[in-house]
Protein backbone atom coordinates (compact mmCIF):
# COMPACT_ATOMS: atom_id res chain seq x y z
CA UNK A 1 29.19 -20.19 30.14
CA UNK A 2 25.76 -18.58 31.26
CA UNK A 3 24.94 -15.53 29.39
CA UNK A 4 22.30 -13.05 30.74
CA UNK A 5 21.34 -12.49 27.10
CA UNK A 6 20.41 -16.27 26.45
CA UNK A 7 17.15 -17.49 28.03
CA UNK A 8 17.16 -20.57 29.86
CA UNK A 9 15.62 -23.76 27.80
CA UNK A 10 12.10 -24.35 28.04
CA UNK A 11 11.26 -27.25 30.44
CA UNK A 12 8.66 -29.84 28.93
CA UNK A 13 5.04 -28.93 30.18
CA UNK A 14 3.89 -31.52 32.67
CA UNK A 15 0.55 -33.00 32.77
CA UNK A 16 -1.98 -30.60 34.23
CA UNK A 17 -3.18 -31.79 37.68
CA UNK A 18 -6.06 -29.16 38.50
CA UNK A 19 -8.85 -30.71 40.35
CA UNK A 20 -12.31 -30.60 39.32
CA UNK A 21 -15.25 -29.44 41.65
CA UNK A 22 -18.04 -32.10 42.26
CA UNK A 23 -21.54 -31.02 41.33
CA UNK A 24 -24.59 -31.51 43.59
CA UNK A 25 -28.15 -30.00 43.01
CA UNK A 26 -30.23 -29.10 46.22
CA UNK A 27 -33.87 -29.95 46.19
CA UNK A 28 -34.68 -26.29 45.50
CA UNK A 29 -32.64 -26.32 42.17
CA UNK A 30 -29.53 -24.52 43.57
CA UNK A 31 -26.53 -26.03 41.82
CA UNK A 32 -23.61 -26.38 44.05
CA UNK A 33 -19.81 -26.75 43.02
CA UNK A 34 -17.49 -28.20 45.96
CA UNK A 35 -13.60 -28.24 45.66
CA UNK A 36 -11.83 -28.90 48.70
CA UNK A 37 -8.45 -27.63 48.77
CA UNK A 38 -6.53 -27.79 52.07
CA UNK A 39 -3.50 -25.66 51.19
CA UNK A 40 -4.57 -22.80 53.59
CA UNK A 41 -7.42 -22.92 56.27
CA UNK A 42 -9.76 -20.66 54.13
CA UNK A 43 -12.99 -21.01 52.43
CA UNK A 44 -14.13 -19.11 49.31
CA UNK A 45 -17.67 -18.65 48.39
CA UNK A 46 -19.16 -17.26 44.86
CA UNK A 47 -22.94 -17.25 44.35
CA UNK A 48 -23.70 -16.62 40.83
CA UNK A 49 -27.28 -15.42 39.85
CA UNK A 50 -27.62 -15.85 36.42
CA UNK A 51 -30.30 -13.10 35.27
CA UNK A 52 -29.65 -10.40 37.66
CA UNK A 53 -27.42 -7.98 35.75
CA UNK A 54 -27.65 -4.96 33.82
CA UNK A 55 -29.18 -6.50 30.66
CA UNK A 56 -31.95 -7.62 32.63
CA UNK A 57 -33.18 -4.18 33.95
CA UNK A 58 -36.30 -2.89 32.52
CA UNK A 59 -35.62 -0.08 30.14
CA UNK A 60 -36.91 2.58 32.34
CA UNK A 61 -34.83 1.16 35.54
CA UNK A 62 -31.53 0.89 34.01
CA UNK A 63 -29.04 0.31 36.86
CA UNK A 64 -31.44 -1.04 39.37
CA UNK A 65 -29.90 -4.43 39.31
CA UNK A 66 -26.53 -2.81 40.28
CA UNK A 67 -28.27 -1.18 43.46
CA UNK A 68 -30.02 -4.39 44.17
CA UNK A 69 -26.76 -6.27 44.46
CA UNK A 70 -24.98 -3.66 46.35
CA UNK A 71 -27.63 -3.27 49.03
CA UNK A 72 -28.01 -6.88 49.51
CA UNK A 73 -25.70 -6.36 52.36
CA UNK A 74 -27.29 -3.25 53.46
CA UNK A 75 -29.58 -4.84 56.19
CA UNK A 76 -31.97 -7.92 56.80
CA UNK A 77 -34.55 -8.35 59.64
CA UNK A 78 -31.91 -9.36 62.06
CA UNK A 79 -28.67 -7.42 60.98
CA UNK A 80 -27.72 -3.74 60.08
CA UNK A 81 -25.28 -3.23 57.38
CA UNK A 82 -22.64 -2.51 60.15
CA UNK A 83 -23.52 -5.89 61.87
CA UNK A 84 -23.24 -7.74 58.42
CA UNK A 85 -19.71 -6.30 58.00
CA UNK A 86 -18.63 -6.75 61.60
CA UNK A 87 -19.85 -10.46 61.54
CA UNK A 88 -17.99 -11.32 58.40
CA UNK A 89 -14.89 -9.56 59.76
CA UNK A 90 -15.31 -11.72 62.95
CA UNK A 91 -15.19 -14.72 60.80
CA UNK A 92 -12.02 -13.77 59.16
CA UNK A 93 -13.51 -12.74 56.06
CA UNK A 94 -15.58 -10.41 54.03
CA UNK A 95 -18.82 -10.36 52.08
CA UNK A 96 -19.65 -8.21 48.98
CA UNK A 97 -22.24 -8.48 46.05
CA UNK A 98 -22.32 -6.89 42.56
CA UNK A 99 -23.91 -7.04 39.04
CA UNK A 100 -22.26 -7.22 35.88
CA UNK A 101 -23.95 -7.19 32.23
CA UNK A 102 -25.72 -10.48 32.66
CA UNK A 103 -25.24 -11.75 36.37
CA UNK A 104 -25.04 -10.99 40.08
CA UNK A 105 -22.06 -12.37 41.96
CA UNK A 106 -21.74 -12.66 45.65
CA UNK A 107 -18.09 -12.80 46.61
CA UNK A 108 -17.26 -14.00 50.19
CA UNK A 109 -14.58 -15.78 52.18
CA UNK A 110 -13.88 -16.75 55.73
CA UNK A 111 -11.47 -18.78 57.94
CA UNK A 112 -12.23 -22.51 57.64
CA UNK A 113 -13.59 -22.84 61.16
CA UNK A 114 -16.23 -20.32 60.64
CA UNK A 115 -17.67 -22.25 57.37
CA UNK A 116 -21.40 -22.79 58.93
CA UNK A 117 -21.91 -19.32 60.45
CA UNK A 118 -20.62 -17.64 57.43
CA UNK A 119 -22.96 -19.80 55.13
CA UNK A 120 -25.95 -18.82 57.27
CA UNK A 121 -24.73 -14.96 57.11
CA UNK A 122 -24.67 -15.20 53.10
CA UNK A 123 -28.21 -16.83 53.34
CA UNK A 124 -29.67 -14.08 55.41
CA UNK A 125 -28.22 -11.54 52.84
CA UNK A 126 -29.32 -13.07 49.85
CA UNK A 127 -32.74 -14.52 51.08
CA UNK A 128 -33.88 -11.69 53.40
CA UNK A 129 -32.54 -8.04 52.34
CA UNK A 130 -34.72 -5.31 53.59
CA UNK A 131 -33.12 -2.27 51.57
CA UNK A 132 -33.50 0.13 54.26
CA UNK A 133 -34.52 3.60 52.99
CA UNK A 134 -31.69 5.34 54.60
CA UNK A 135 -29.11 3.02 52.93
CA UNK A 136 -30.85 3.50 49.52
CA UNK A 137 -30.16 7.21 49.90
CA UNK A 138 -26.45 6.60 50.73
CA UNK A 139 -26.23 4.33 47.89
CA UNK A 140 -27.88 6.76 45.68
CA UNK A 141 -25.66 9.81 46.79
CA UNK A 142 -22.48 7.60 46.39
CA UNK A 143 -23.56 6.22 42.83
CA UNK A 144 -24.34 9.73 41.46
CA UNK A 145 -21.03 11.08 42.65
CA UNK A 146 -19.50 8.03 41.00
CA UNK A 147 -21.14 8.17 38.04
CA UNK A 148 -20.31 11.94 37.44
CA UNK A 149 -16.73 11.45 38.20
CA UNK A 150 -16.71 8.44 35.63
CA UNK A 151 -18.14 10.87 32.94
CA UNK A 152 -15.14 13.04 33.42
CA UNK A 153 -12.82 10.08 32.60
CA UNK A 154 -12.06 9.51 28.64
CA UNK A 155 -11.67 5.79 29.28
CA UNK A 156 -15.39 5.39 30.64
CA UNK A 157 -16.63 7.69 28.02
CA UNK A 158 -14.71 5.69 25.23
CA UNK A 159 -16.11 2.25 26.54
CA UNK A 160 -19.77 3.47 26.81
CA UNK A 161 -19.60 4.87 23.36
CA UNK A 162 -17.93 1.83 22.09
CA UNK A 163 -20.58 -0.63 23.38
CA UNK A 164 -23.30 1.61 21.94
CA UNK A 165 -21.68 1.35 18.51
CA UNK A 166 -21.15 -2.36 18.92
CA UNK A 167 -24.61 -3.44 20.24
CA UNK A 168 -27.02 -0.48 19.18
CA UNK A 169 -30.29 -0.89 21.50
CA UNK A 170 -29.26 -4.43 22.55
CA UNK A 171 -29.06 -4.89 26.53
CA UNK A 172 -25.54 -5.60 26.12
CA UNK A 173 -24.82 -1.97 25.22
CA UNK A 174 -25.39 -0.72 28.89
CA UNK A 175 -22.46 0.09 31.01
CA UNK A 176 -23.78 2.66 33.53
CA UNK A 177 -26.99 3.46 35.46
CA UNK A 178 -29.42 5.75 33.92
CA UNK A 179 -29.40 8.62 36.12
CA UNK A 180 -33.06 9.46 35.68
CA UNK A 181 -33.74 6.02 36.87
CA UNK A 182 -31.17 6.37 39.66
CA UNK A 183 -32.95 9.38 41.10
CA UNK A 184 -36.20 7.30 41.31
CA UNK A 185 -35.99 4.01 42.60
CA UNK A 186 -36.97 3.33 46.16
CA UNK A 187 -37.01 0.30 48.56
CA UNK A 188 -40.28 -1.02 46.89
CA UNK A 189 -38.29 -1.42 43.51
CA UNK A 190 -35.40 -2.98 44.65
CA UNK A 191 -37.53 -5.45 46.49
CA UNK A 192 -39.47 -6.28 43.35
CA UNK A 193 -36.29 -6.94 41.43
CA UNK A 194 -35.00 -9.12 44.30
CA UNK A 195 -38.37 -11.10 44.38
CA UNK A 196 -38.02 -11.57 40.56
CA UNK A 197 -34.47 -12.15 39.94
CA UNK A 198 -32.96 -13.87 43.02
CA UNK A 199 -33.80 -17.50 42.75
CA UNK A 200 -32.21 -20.75 43.57
CA UNK A 201 -33.20 -22.47 40.11
CA UNK A 202 -30.34 -21.73 37.74
CA UNK A 203 -28.05 -20.04 40.32
CA UNK A 204 -24.79 -21.78 41.32
CA UNK A 205 -22.77 -21.49 44.76
CA UNK A 206 -19.09 -22.38 44.20
CA UNK A 207 -17.18 -23.34 47.26
CA UNK A 208 -13.32 -23.85 47.22
CA UNK A 209 -11.08 -24.28 50.40
CA UNK A 210 -10.51 -26.34 53.46
CA UNK A 211 -13.82 -28.02 54.18
CA UNK A 212 -15.52 -31.50 54.14
CA UNK A 213 -17.95 -31.99 51.59
CA UNK A 214 -20.56 -33.70 53.67
CA UNK A 215 -20.30 -30.80 55.95
CA UNK A 216 -20.74 -28.17 53.43
CA UNK A 217 -23.65 -29.76 51.69
CA UNK A 218 -25.52 -30.05 55.19
CA UNK A 219 -24.91 -26.64 56.02
CA UNK A 220 -26.04 -25.46 52.78
CA UNK A 221 -29.23 -27.38 52.94
CA UNK A 222 -30.09 -25.87 56.53
CA UNK A 223 -29.29 -22.28 55.14
CA UNK A 224 -30.91 -22.07 51.93
CA UNK A 225 -33.44 -24.76 52.42
CA UNK A 226 -36.23 -21.98 52.67
CA UNK A 227 -35.02 -20.47 49.21
CA UNK A 228 -37.46 -21.60 46.48
CA UNK A 229 -38.55 -20.31 43.11
CA UNK A 230 -37.47 -19.87 39.58
CA UNK A 231 -36.97 -16.47 37.91
CA UNK A 232 -39.10 -14.96 35.50
CA UNK A 233 -36.44 -13.33 33.08
CA UNK A 234 -37.42 -12.98 29.73
CA UNK A 235 -34.60 -14.45 27.56
CA UNK A 236 -32.27 -11.84 26.02
CA UNK A 237 -32.71 -11.38 22.32
CA UNK A 238 -29.61 -12.51 20.33
CA UNK A 239 -26.98 -9.70 19.96
CA UNK A 240 -26.10 -8.53 16.48
CA UNK A 241 -23.26 -10.58 14.84
CA UNK A 242 -21.46 -7.30 13.67
CA UNK A 243 -21.13 -4.05 14.86
CA UNK A 244 -24.37 -1.60 14.58
CA UNK A 245 -22.19 1.26 13.93
CA UNK A 246 -18.90 1.02 11.84
CA UNK A 247 -16.26 3.69 10.88
CA UNK A 248 -14.85 6.43 12.99
CA UNK A 249 -16.63 8.27 15.90
CA UNK A 250 -15.61 10.92 17.80
CA UNK A 251 -16.66 11.90 21.74
CA UNK A 252 -15.67 15.55 21.87
CA UNK A 253 -13.41 16.37 24.81
CA UNK A 254 -12.56 20.05 24.41
CA UNK A 255 -9.15 21.29 25.37
CA UNK A 256 -7.98 17.68 25.77
CA UNK A 257 -4.19 17.21 25.28
CA UNK A 258 -4.60 13.44 24.55
CA UNK A 259 -6.97 10.91 22.88
CA UNK A 260 -8.49 7.70 24.38
CA UNK A 261 -9.17 5.28 21.52
CA UNK A 262 -11.00 2.02 21.03
CA UNK A 263 -11.37 0.04 18.04
CA UNK A 264 -12.73 -3.40 17.27
CA UNK A 265 -15.66 -5.43 16.38
CA UNK A 266 -17.72 -8.49 17.35
CA UNK A 267 -16.13 -12.02 17.58
CA UNK A 268 -17.56 -15.65 18.90
CA UNK A 269 -18.47 -16.47 22.34
CA UNK A 270 -16.11 -18.24 24.69
CA UNK A 271 -17.55 -21.48 23.85
CA UNK A 272 -16.94 -21.37 20.14
CA UNK A 273 -14.39 -23.63 18.81
CA UNK A 274 -12.17 -20.84 17.36
CA UNK A 275 -12.29 -18.85 20.51
CA UNK A 276 -9.10 -20.01 21.84
CA UNK A 277 -6.79 -19.58 18.52
CA UNK A 278 -8.55 -16.19 18.44
CA UNK A 279 -7.45 -15.34 21.93
CA UNK A 280 -3.78 -16.53 21.01
CA UNK A 281 -3.78 -14.33 18.16
CA UNK A 282 -5.11 -11.18 20.01
CA UNK A 283 -2.42 -12.12 22.75
CA UNK A 284 0.30 -12.06 20.05
CA UNK A 285 -1.33 -8.60 19.03
CA UNK A 286 -1.42 -6.74 22.19
CA UNK A 287 -1.04 -8.56 25.44
CA UNK A 288 2.00 -7.48 27.37
CA UNK A 289 5.24 -5.89 27.10
CA UNK A 290 6.33 -8.31 24.21
CA UNK A 291 3.34 -8.03 22.04
CA UNK A 292 3.56 -6.47 18.66
CA UNK A 293 1.43 -3.28 19.58
CA UNK A 294 3.60 -2.54 22.52
CA UNK A 295 6.85 -2.99 20.64
CA UNK A 296 5.80 -0.76 17.45
CA UNK A 297 3.03 1.46 18.58
CA UNK A 298 4.69 2.50 21.78
CA UNK A 299 8.26 1.41 21.65
CA UNK A 300 9.29 1.90 17.95
CA UNK A 301 7.07 4.95 17.06
CA UNK A 302 6.19 6.58 20.33
CA UNK A 303 2.56 7.04 19.18
CA UNK A 304 0.75 5.84 22.60
CA UNK A 305 1.33 5.76 26.28
CA UNK A 306 -0.10 2.57 26.49
CA UNK A 307 -1.59 0.29 24.17
CA UNK A 308 -3.26 -3.30 24.29
CA UNK A 309 -5.69 -5.63 22.70
CA UNK A 310 -7.98 -7.99 24.32
CA UNK A 311 -11.32 -10.07 23.88
CA UNK A 312 -14.18 -9.14 26.44
CA UNK A 313 -16.62 -11.98 26.67
CA UNK A 314 -20.35 -12.13 26.91
CA UNK A 315 -22.37 -15.22 27.43
CA UNK A 316 -23.75 -15.05 23.70
CA UNK A 317 -20.75 -13.16 21.93
CA UNK A 318 -17.30 -11.60 22.29
CA UNK A 319 -15.87 -8.46 21.47
CA UNK A 320 -12.24 -7.67 20.11
CA UNK A 321 -10.91 -4.35 21.23
CA UNK A 322 -7.65 -2.53 20.78
CA UNK A 323 -7.13 0.35 23.14
CA UNK A 324 -4.53 3.06 23.27
CA UNK A 325 -3.85 6.38 25.21
CA UNK A 326 -1.93 8.85 22.88
CA UNK A 327 -1.12 12.68 22.42
CA UNK A 328 -3.67 14.64 20.38
CA UNK A 329 -1.48 15.05 17.45
CA UNK A 330 -0.72 11.09 17.43
CA UNK A 331 -4.13 9.92 17.16
CA UNK A 332 -4.28 9.03 13.78
CA UNK A 333 -1.06 7.69 13.45
CA UNK A 334 -1.67 5.49 16.25
CA UNK A 335 -4.88 4.28 14.82
CA UNK A 336 -3.08 3.63 11.32
CA UNK A 337 -0.27 1.70 13.03
CA UNK A 338 -2.66 -0.48 15.13
CA UNK A 339 -4.62 -1.34 11.91
CA UNK A 340 -1.32 -1.93 10.12
CA UNK A 341 -0.31 -4.59 12.83
CA UNK A 342 -3.73 -6.37 12.54
CA UNK A 343 -3.51 -6.70 8.82
CA UNK A 344 0.27 -8.14 9.28
CA UNK A 345 -1.24 -10.71 11.75
CA UNK A 346 -3.81 -11.55 9.13
CA UNK A 347 -1.62 -11.84 5.99
CA UNK A 348 1.89 -13.05 7.54
CA UNK A 349 2.42 -16.48 9.17
CA UNK A 350 3.41 -15.89 12.73
CA UNK A 351 6.93 -16.88 13.32
CA UNK A 352 7.12 -20.07 15.54
CA UNK A 353 9.32 -18.48 18.06
CA UNK A 354 6.93 -15.69 18.76
CA UNK A 355 3.82 -18.03 18.69
CA UNK A 356 5.62 -20.19 21.15
CA UNK A 357 6.62 -17.28 23.46
CA UNK A 358 3.05 -16.15 23.66
CA UNK A 359 1.81 -19.91 24.34
CA UNK A 360 4.24 -19.89 26.92
CA UNK A 361 2.78 -16.63 28.41
CA UNK A 362 -0.65 -17.72 28.55
CA UNK A 363 0.18 -21.08 30.03
CA UNK A 364 2.39 -19.17 32.67
CA UNK A 365 -0.16 -16.67 33.44
CA UNK A 366 -2.89 -19.62 33.72
CA UNK A 367 -0.84 -21.52 36.11
CA UNK A 368 -0.08 -18.48 38.33
CA UNK A 369 -4.12 -18.41 38.50
CA UNK A 370 -4.07 -21.50 40.55
CA UNK A 371 -1.68 -20.20 43.18
CA UNK A 372 -4.27 -18.97 45.64
CA UNK A 373 -7.55 -20.35 46.56
CA UNK A 374 -9.25 -16.92 45.48
CA UNK A 375 -7.87 -17.28 42.02
CA UNK A 376 -8.92 -20.74 41.65
CA UNK A 377 -12.15 -20.08 42.59
CA UNK A 378 -12.36 -17.29 39.93
CA UNK A 379 -11.29 -19.60 37.27
CA UNK A 380 -14.33 -21.94 38.09
CA UNK A 381 -16.59 -18.87 38.28
CA UNK A 382 -15.60 -18.21 34.70
CA UNK A 383 -16.77 -21.81 33.52
CA UNK A 384 -20.24 -21.12 35.09
CA UNK A 385 -20.46 -17.39 33.70
CA UNK A 386 -19.57 -18.66 30.13
CA UNK A 387 -20.79 -22.20 30.01
CA UNK A 388 -17.48 -23.65 29.88
CA UNK A 389 -17.01 -27.51 30.27
CA UNK A 390 -16.11 -28.22 34.00
CA UNK A 391 -12.63 -29.73 32.75
CA UNK A 392 -11.83 -26.81 30.73
CA UNK A 393 -9.09 -25.28 32.90
CA UNK A 394 -7.65 -28.68 33.44
CA UNK A 395 -7.40 -29.11 29.88
CA UNK A 396 -6.36 -25.40 28.97
CA UNK A 397 -2.52 -25.82 29.00
CA UNK A 398 -2.67 -28.60 26.51
CA UNK A 399 -5.24 -26.87 24.45
CA UNK A 400 -3.34 -23.85 24.13
CA UNK A 401 0.03 -25.80 23.45
CA UNK A 402 -1.17 -27.68 20.84
CA UNK A 403 -2.58 -24.58 18.49
CA UNK A 404 -0.47 -24.12 15.33
CA UNK A 405 0.30 -21.01 13.53
CA UNK A 406 -2.01 -21.91 10.57
CA UNK A 407 -5.00 -22.25 13.37
CA UNK A 408 -4.14 -18.95 14.75
CA UNK A 409 -3.83 -16.86 11.48
CA UNK A 410 -7.07 -18.48 10.24
CA UNK A 411 -8.85 -17.15 13.39
CA UNK A 412 -7.34 -13.93 12.86
CA UNK A 413 -8.39 -13.59 9.34
CA UNK A 414 -11.86 -14.76 10.28
CA UNK A 415 -12.46 -12.08 13.03
CA UNK A 416 -9.99 -9.44 12.84
CA UNK A 417 -10.67 -8.06 9.48
CA UNK A 418 -10.28 -4.15 10.48
CA UNK A 419 -12.25 -2.86 7.41
CA UNK A 420 -15.82 -3.38 9.15
CA UNK A 421 -14.45 -2.14 12.59
CA UNK A 422 -15.78 0.54 14.79
CA UNK A 423 -13.29 3.18 16.05
CA UNK A 424 -14.14 5.17 18.85
CA UNK A 425 -12.16 8.32 19.96
CA UNK A 426 -12.41 10.61 22.94
CA UNK A 427 -10.28 13.68 22.42
CA UNK A 428 -10.30 17.06 21.24
CA UNK A 429 -13.12 18.24 18.79
CA UNK A 430 -10.45 19.56 16.16
CA UNK A 431 -9.83 15.69 15.62
CA UNK A 432 -13.11 15.50 13.43
CA UNK A 433 -11.33 17.77 10.79
CA UNK A 434 -8.69 15.37 10.13
CA UNK A 435 -10.84 12.25 10.60
CA UNK A 436 -10.49 9.60 8.02
CA UNK A 437 -13.55 9.27 5.50
């Protein structure tokens, strides 16, 4: 007799059938990754420019990279911002550009019959942006408003201070634009940043969807054939291997009735051999409603409204973080319980059924990420961003499935020791009076 209290038996995992993009290099050095997929009449584009993120801003111009990325679609010699948006819409798609810590990424899509004109539209905004002064002023006003709103949010303040504690003066510590620089840059500085950083050699164009590879290569050659050069970015210094500031740090937020806390430290980059067992350990700890932090910190003790743990990845390193929102009076108890769960993960073997459930969770989430063309494109974008092998996502289910409790516990013991962690709390100033020594 079927029972709702008994889960159905696991179905044996079938071999992964994820296709791998075919790689090409255009004469100008642009890497092209092509993955035809005809499940829907749609084409997804991702252009990854490797040295055009915040970490590559000059110290006196922090945030310029973000403005340059956003304003690529603000105008070209032949199109206004409205015409760019309208044209993309007529192709059944959209186009946007953003900058993260290390890279700038163009994200676009269109209906399959419009592959060629959309490719030429993308080339126009990447190769020939004009950064019109009126659009620069609009973006400046919007960014200032957004930045001031962010500075009223405890989650933003916690992450900003957490990065500073982890990385010190390393460029990875940058999260937001410098307001002084934001007030000063003009079209001239944006054009100079674009000229120095947006170059084809080292960049990657990823295209996934309903197209013929020969057609896509021909169209890319026509559209990007006049794009030349190699960016002149100075390599980033190696990040610190341990948090620059350890211990407990308070960001005062007067009259706050709750606290936003982040605690953690540095860990290996995504390409490190122990990155995957560490990810599984962190998932046991704090991913989803069946994780240990959720079941204890939130459900059993009621110390936090929300709580999770994750690994944030950079190209050269990773950062483990446990994060929670809690009432002010529960702040120290929540921190104590999070640290206790980390200690338990290090010192006690993970039960086989708990490990298997978490493995199934990671594999299932990965399989769902293959469902749409957009999510599939995002998977391969990550291989480019973090230097993963091109067959990484094809092998991922088997790699996760093969991990043993001993491997996971060893990775946790190596990289999740809470003693040298940094703890950031955004909350009532009175918390400093009861802070741990």
